[in-house]
Amino acid sequence: MDRAELAAFLRARRAALQPEDVGLPRGRRRRTGGLRREEVAALCDMSVDYYSRLEQPRGPHPSEQMTAALARGLRLSLEERDHLFRLAGHAVPHRVRRGDHLNPGMMRILDRLADTPAQVVNHLGETLRQTRPAVALLGDETAFTGRERSLHYRWFTDPSSRLIRPESEHAEQSRLLVADLRGAYARDGSASPTAGLVDALRSASAEFAALWRTHPVLGPYCGPKRFRHPRLGPLELHCQTLVDPDQSQRLQVFTAVPGTESHERLRLLTVLGEQW
């Protein structure tokens, strides 16, 4: 680990970021051109003291998880992320369509949707980042570990994951999720993380295995989705999706038709906060 170079790199990237780049207000009393240390620490989900010691440089050796958090918080490109990992004394993460590292452009868009239910999901159905209204709508989907990180896996192995959707739509949702994995499997091949997820699901769920054998394919249009929110009640939402082909990630934005009851209820998400 090269503490001096790591500290210099962090300082340079912090100085290059503007508040507008991460969805923060500039304010009138800002003297520095870039972000403050406390702002970067919050973006990286770490304490200000921990981040400050890394910049000084007198900090601890950051783990791979902390290094990945720094890369996300500083909105690094893949090349910059790899450089950061080398400075921190870690092997460069594999780029086998894992899609864990959020593309900086995708992050900038998400930062501007702070008052909207939106999230970034990779090709395995793993939620990488959510806005606060998305957490209020769907729960914290970034808190899962292992196979449970994937919504596809939870849907077929954990009955509680289906409670938010009306039972009448469970069969169609199952078909859509299998079709989504079919497409990812066709692109990634039999030696990929996608294949490992498929094998695990075929062993764990008879429903998944039966649907897998039918070879479902996603259509060009996905209609409105119905939800049963524990506090807001029934919602009918549209999910608009922006696809980043290089990173195998999708930005999902949930909206409701203006003037409808669902639209009025969706506006209450900012009042509810992240309590589910």
Protein backbone atom coordinates (compact mmCIF):
# COMPACT_ATOMS: atom_id res chain seq x y z
CA MET A 1 0.00 0.00 0.00
CA ASP A 2 1.33 3.43 -1.00
CA ARG A 3 -0.19 5.77 1.62
CA ALA A 4 1.27 8.96 0.17
CA GLU A 5 0.08 8.25 -3.39
CA LEU A 6 -3.30 7.04 -2.14
CA ALA A 7 -3.75 10.25 -0.14
CA ALA A 8 -2.75 12.43 -3.09
CA PHE A 9 -5.11 10.57 -5.42
CA LEU A 10 -8.03 10.94 -3.01
CA ARG A 11 -7.35 14.66 -2.57
CA ALA A 12 -7.14 15.20 -6.32
CA ARG A 13 -10.39 13.36 -7.03
CA ARG A 14 -12.20 15.16 -4.21
CA ALA A 15 -11.04 18.52 -5.57
CA ALA A 16 -12.25 17.59 -9.06
CA LEU A 17 -15.79 16.80 -7.90
CA GLN A 18 -18.31 19.62 -7.74
CA PRO A 19 -21.38 19.59 -5.46
CA GLU A 20 -23.61 19.50 -8.53
CA ASP A 21 -21.87 16.31 -9.69
CA VAL A 22 -23.24 14.41 -6.69
CA GLY A 23 -26.61 16.13 -6.28
CA LEU A 24 -25.55 18.48 -3.47
CA PRO A 25 -26.36 22.22 -3.26
CA ARG A 26 -23.37 24.51 -3.68
CA GLY A 27 -24.36 27.03 -1.02
CA ARG A 28 -23.09 30.59 -0.64
CA ARG A 29 -20.31 30.00 1.89
CA ARG A 30 -18.38 27.35 -0.01
CA ARG A 31 -14.75 28.41 -0.29
CA THR A 32 -13.24 25.27 -1.78
CA GLY A 33 -13.75 24.42 -5.44
CA GLY A 34 -14.38 20.75 -4.85
CA LEU A 35 -16.19 18.73 -2.22
CA ARG A 36 -15.53 18.91 1.50
CA ARG A 37 -14.11 15.89 3.30
CA GLU A 38 -17.30 15.38 5.27
CA GLU A 39 -19.29 15.32 2.02
CA VAL A 40 -17.07 12.65 0.49
CA ALA A 41 -17.18 10.63 3.71
CA ALA A 42 -20.98 10.67 3.61
CA LEU A 43 -20.99 9.61 -0.05
CA CYS A 44 -18.67 6.72 0.84
CA ASP A 45 -20.67 5.68 3.94
CA MET A 46 -17.71 6.07 6.26
CA SER A 47 -16.79 8.36 9.15
CA VAL A 48 -15.22 11.75 8.51
CA ASP A 49 -12.29 10.82 10.77
CA TYR A 50 -11.59 7.62 8.81
CA TYR A 51 -11.64 9.41 5.46
CA SER A 52 -9.59 12.37 6.75
CA ARG A 53 -6.85 10.05 8.01
CA LEU A 54 -6.65 8.43 4.57
CA GLU A 55 -6.06 11.82 2.98
CA GLN A 56 -3.43 13.05 5.46
CA PRO A 57 -1.93 10.27 5.04
CA ARG A 58 -1.97 8.43 8.34
CA GLY A 59 -4.98 6.18 7.89
CA PRO A 60 -5.39 2.43 8.19
CA HIS A 61 -5.12 0.01 5.33
CA PRO A 62 -8.61 0.17 3.73
CA SER A 63 -10.22 -3.19 3.05
CA GLU A 64 -11.42 -4.13 -0.42
CA GLN A 65 -14.97 -3.22 0.65
CA MET A 66 -13.86 0.22 1.87
CA THR A 67 -11.81 0.77 -1.28
CA ALA A 68 -14.85 -0.07 -3.40
CA ALA A 69 -16.90 2.38 -1.32
CA LEU A 70 -14.31 5.09 -2.01
CA ALA A 71 -14.51 4.38 -5.74
CA ARG A 72 -18.30 4.69 -5.70
CA GLY A 73 -18.35 7.79 -3.53
CA LEU A 74 -15.77 9.59 -5.66
CA ARG A 75 -17.58 8.61 -8.88
CA LEU A 76 -14.49 6.93 -10.34
CA SER A 77 -14.36 5.39 -13.77
CA LEU A 78 -13.37 1.73 -14.07
CA GLU A 79 -9.79 2.70 -14.91
CA GLU A 80 -9.63 5.07 -11.94
CA ARG A 81 -11.14 2.41 -9.69
CA ASP A 82 -8.48 -0.09 -10.76
CA HIS A 83 -5.76 2.49 -10.02
CA LEU A 84 -7.27 3.13 -6.58
CA PHE A 85 -7.22 -0.59 -5.78
CA ARG A 86 -3.54 -0.81 -6.74
CA LEU A 87 -2.66 2.17 -4.55
CA ALA A 88 -4.53 0.53 -1.66
CA GLY A 89 -2.52 -2.65 -2.13
CA HIS A 90 -5.34 -4.82 -3.49
CA ALA A 91 -5.70 -6.89 -6.62
CA VAL A 92 -7.74 -5.22 -9.32
CA PRO A 93 -11.34 -6.54 -9.31
CA HIS A 94 -12.32 -8.77 -12.19
CA ARG A 95 -14.45 -7.23 -14.91
CA VAL A 96 -16.43 -10.34 -15.84
CA ARG A 97 -19.74 -8.57 -16.30
CA ARG A 98 -20.18 -8.40 -12.57
CA GLY A 99 -21.47 -4.86 -12.75
CA ASP A 100 -20.77 -3.95 -9.10
CA HIS A 101 -19.00 -0.68 -9.90
CA LEU A 102 -21.46 2.05 -10.78
CA ASN A 103 -20.69 3.99 -13.92
CA PRO A 104 -20.04 7.68 -13.03
CA GLY A 105 -22.61 8.85 -15.59
CA MET A 106 -25.24 6.57 -14.09
CA MET A 107 -24.39 7.91 -10.65
CA ARG A 108 -24.77 11.51 -11.82
CA ILE A 109 -28.24 10.78 -13.17
CA LEU A 110 -29.26 9.00 -9.96
CA ASP A 111 -27.99 11.92 -7.86
CA ARG A 112 -30.44 14.20 -9.68
CA LEU A 113 -33.38 11.94 -8.84
CA ALA A 114 -33.17 12.42 -5.09
CA ASP A 115 -36.93 13.04 -4.78
CA THR A 116 -37.91 10.13 -7.05
CA PRO A 117 -38.02 6.35 -6.45
CA ALA A 118 -35.04 5.20 -8.52
CA GLN A 119 -32.34 2.56 -8.26
CA VAL A 120 -29.47 0.98 -10.18
CA VAL A 121 -29.65 -2.79 -10.67
CA ASN A 122 -27.09 -5.03 -12.34
CA HIS A 123 -27.67 -7.96 -14.70
CA LEU A 124 -27.95 -10.42 -11.78
CA GLY A 125 -30.84 -8.48 -10.24
CA GLU A 126 -28.61 -7.05 -7.49
CA THR A 127 -29.56 -3.54 -6.38
CA LEU A 128 -26.40 -1.44 -6.17
CA ARG A 129 -27.81 1.90 -5.10
CA GLN A 130 -31.21 3.40 -4.28
CA THR A 131 -32.60 6.86 -3.71
CA ARG A 132 -34.34 7.38 -0.37
CA PRO A 133 -37.82 7.31 -1.96
CA ALA A 134 -36.88 3.96 -3.55
CA VAL A 135 -35.98 2.59 -0.11
CA ALA A 136 -39.32 3.90 1.20
CA LEU A 137 -41.10 2.18 -1.67
CA LEU A 138 -39.26 -1.15 -1.90
CA GLY A 139 -37.23 -1.44 1.30
CA ASP A 140 -33.44 -1.41 1.48
CA GLU A 141 -32.49 -3.83 -1.28
CA THR A 142 -28.78 -3.09 -0.92
CA ALA A 143 -28.56 -4.66 2.55
CA PHE A 144 -28.61 -8.30 1.39
CA THR A 145 -25.52 -10.49 1.11
CA GLY A 146 -24.58 -13.63 -0.80
CA ARG A 147 -27.12 -15.05 -3.22
CA GLU A 148 -29.84 -13.00 -1.49
CA ARG A 149 -28.38 -9.87 -3.09
CA SER A 150 -30.25 -10.89 -6.23
CA LEU A 151 -33.96 -10.07 -6.41
CA HIS A 152 -34.29 -13.01 -8.79
CA TYR A 153 -32.98 -15.36 -6.12
CA ARG A 154 -35.08 -13.88 -3.31
CA TRP A 155 -38.25 -13.99 -5.39
CA PHE A 156 -37.98 -17.76 -5.86
CA THR A 157 -36.58 -18.71 -2.44
CA ASP A 158 -38.06 -16.23 0.08
CA PRO A 159 -41.88 -15.96 0.12
CA SER A 160 -41.71 -12.64 2.00
CA SER A 161 -40.12 -10.99 -1.05
CA ARG A 162 -43.43 -11.42 -2.89
CA LEU A 163 -45.59 -9.64 -0.33
CA ILE A 164 -45.18 -6.26 -2.03
CA ARG A 165 -46.77 -7.54 -5.27
CA PRO A 166 -50.43 -8.65 -5.62
CA GLU A 167 -50.75 -12.42 -5.77
CA SER A 168 -52.55 -12.16 -9.11
CA GLU A 169 -49.29 -10.87 -10.66
CA HIS A 170 -46.89 -13.38 -9.13
CA ALA A 171 -46.94 -15.77 -12.09
CA GLU A 172 -46.17 -13.02 -14.61
CA GLN A 173 -43.45 -11.56 -12.43
CA SER A 174 -41.85 -15.01 -12.14
CA ARG A 175 -41.89 -15.38 -15.93
CA LEU A 176 -40.33 -11.92 -16.42
CA LEU A 177 -37.53 -12.62 -13.96
CA VAL A 178 -36.70 -15.96 -15.59
CA ALA A 179 -36.76 -14.33 -19.03
CA ASP A 180 -34.40 -11.63 -17.77
CA LEU A 181 -31.94 -14.26 -16.53
CA ARG A 182 -32.30 -16.19 -19.79
CA GLY A 183 -31.10 -13.13 -21.68
CA ALA A 184 -28.19 -12.58 -19.31
CA TYR A 185 -27.23 -16.26 -19.50
CA ALA A 186 -27.22 -16.17 -23.30
CA ARG A 187 -24.84 -13.19 -23.25
CA ASP A 188 -22.55 -14.38 -20.43
CA GLY A 189 -22.21 -18.10 -21.10
CA SER A 190 -21.95 -21.20 -18.92
CA ALA A 191 -18.82 -20.14 -17.00
CA SER A 192 -20.19 -16.84 -15.69
CA PRO A 193 -21.66 -15.60 -12.37
CA THR A 194 -25.01 -15.61 -14.17
CA ALA A 195 -24.68 -19.34 -14.78
CA GLY A 196 -23.86 -19.88 -11.11
CA LEU A 197 -27.01 -18.01 -10.09
CA VAL A 198 -29.10 -20.03 -12.55
CA ASP A 199 -27.70 -23.32 -11.22
CA ALA A 200 -28.46 -22.27 -7.64
CA LEU A 201 -32.03 -21.33 -8.55
CA ARG A 202 -32.67 -24.54 -10.49
CA SER A 203 -31.66 -26.48 -7.39
CA ALA A 204 -33.56 -24.30 -4.92
CA SER A 205 -36.85 -23.69 -6.76
CA ALA A 206 -39.02 -26.14 -8.68
CA GLU A 207 -40.99 -23.17 -10.03
CA PHE A 208 -37.85 -21.57 -11.44
CA ALA A 209 -36.64 -24.87 -12.93
CA ALA A 210 -39.98 -25.42 -14.69
CA LEU A 211 -40.06 -21.89 -16.10
CA TRP A 212 -36.40 -22.14 -17.17
CA ARG A 213 -37.24 -25.13 -19.35
CA THR A 214 -39.83 -23.06 -21.26
CA HIS A 215 -37.17 -20.58 -22.48
CA PRO A 216 -39.17 -17.38 -21.88
CA VAL A 217 -38.04 -14.24 -23.72
CA LEU A 218 -38.61 -10.65 -22.64
CA GLY A 219 -40.92 -8.62 -24.84
CA PRO A 220 -40.34 -5.03 -25.99
CA TYR A 221 -42.78 -3.46 -23.51
CA CYS A 222 -43.38 -3.88 -19.80
CA GLY A 223 -46.77 -2.64 -18.64
CA PRO A 224 -47.63 -0.98 -15.34
CA LYS A 225 -46.58 -2.74 -12.16
CA ARG A 226 -48.86 -3.05 -9.16
CA PHE A 227 -47.54 -2.90 -5.63
CA ARG A 228 -48.98 -3.38 -2.15
CA HIS A 229 -47.13 -0.94 0.04
CA PRO A 230 -47.47 -1.72 3.78
CA ARG A 231 -48.23 1.93 4.63
CA LEU A 232 -49.48 3.57 1.43
CA GLY A 233 -51.68 0.73 0.18
CA PRO A 234 -52.08 -0.28 -3.49
CA LEU A 235 -49.98 1.51 -6.12
CA GLU A 236 -49.90 1.26 -9.91
CA LEU A 237 -46.52 2.41 -11.18
CA HIS A 238 -44.59 2.53 -14.42
CA CYS A 239 -40.93 1.53 -14.37
CA GLN A 240 -38.84 3.38 -16.94
CA THR A 241 -35.44 1.78 -17.52
CA LEU A 242 -32.17 3.25 -18.78
CA VAL A 243 -29.67 0.56 -19.80
CA ASP A 244 -25.90 0.98 -19.65
CA PRO A 245 -24.62 -1.80 -21.95
CA ASP A 246 -20.96 -1.38 -20.96
CA GLN A 247 -21.64 -1.98 -17.27
CA SER A 248 -24.60 -4.36 -17.55
CA GLN A 249 -26.55 -2.03 -15.30
CA ARG A 250 -30.04 -0.57 -15.45
CA LEU A 251 -31.37 2.60 -13.92
CA GLN A 252 -34.99 2.00 -12.89
CA VAL A 253 -37.23 4.99 -12.25
CA PHE A 254 -40.73 4.47 -10.80
CA THR A 255 -43.44 6.96 -11.74
CA ALA A 256 -47.24 7.20 -11.61
CA VAL A 257 -49.71 8.83 -13.99
CA PRO A 258 -50.39 12.42 -12.78
CA GLY A 259 -53.81 12.92 -11.29
CA THR A 260 -54.20 9.32 -10.18
CA GLU A 261 -54.45 8.09 -6.61
CA SER A 262 -51.14 6.29 -7.09
CA HIS A 263 -49.49 9.57 -8.05
CA GLU A 264 -50.69 11.24 -4.86
CA ARG A 265 -49.59 8.31 -2.74
CA LEU A 266 -46.17 8.22 -4.41
CA ARG A 267 -45.60 11.83 -3.37
CA LEU A 268 -45.94 10.73 0.26
CA LEU A 269 -42.78 8.62 0.03
CA THR A 270 -40.61 11.63 0.82
CA VAL A 271 -42.69 12.14 4.00
CA LEU A 272 -42.38 8.51 5.06
CA GLY A 273 -38.61 8.55 4.72
CA GLU A 274 -36.82 5.20 4.74
CA GLN A 275 -39.02 3.55 7.36
CA TRP A 276 -40.70 0.54 5.80
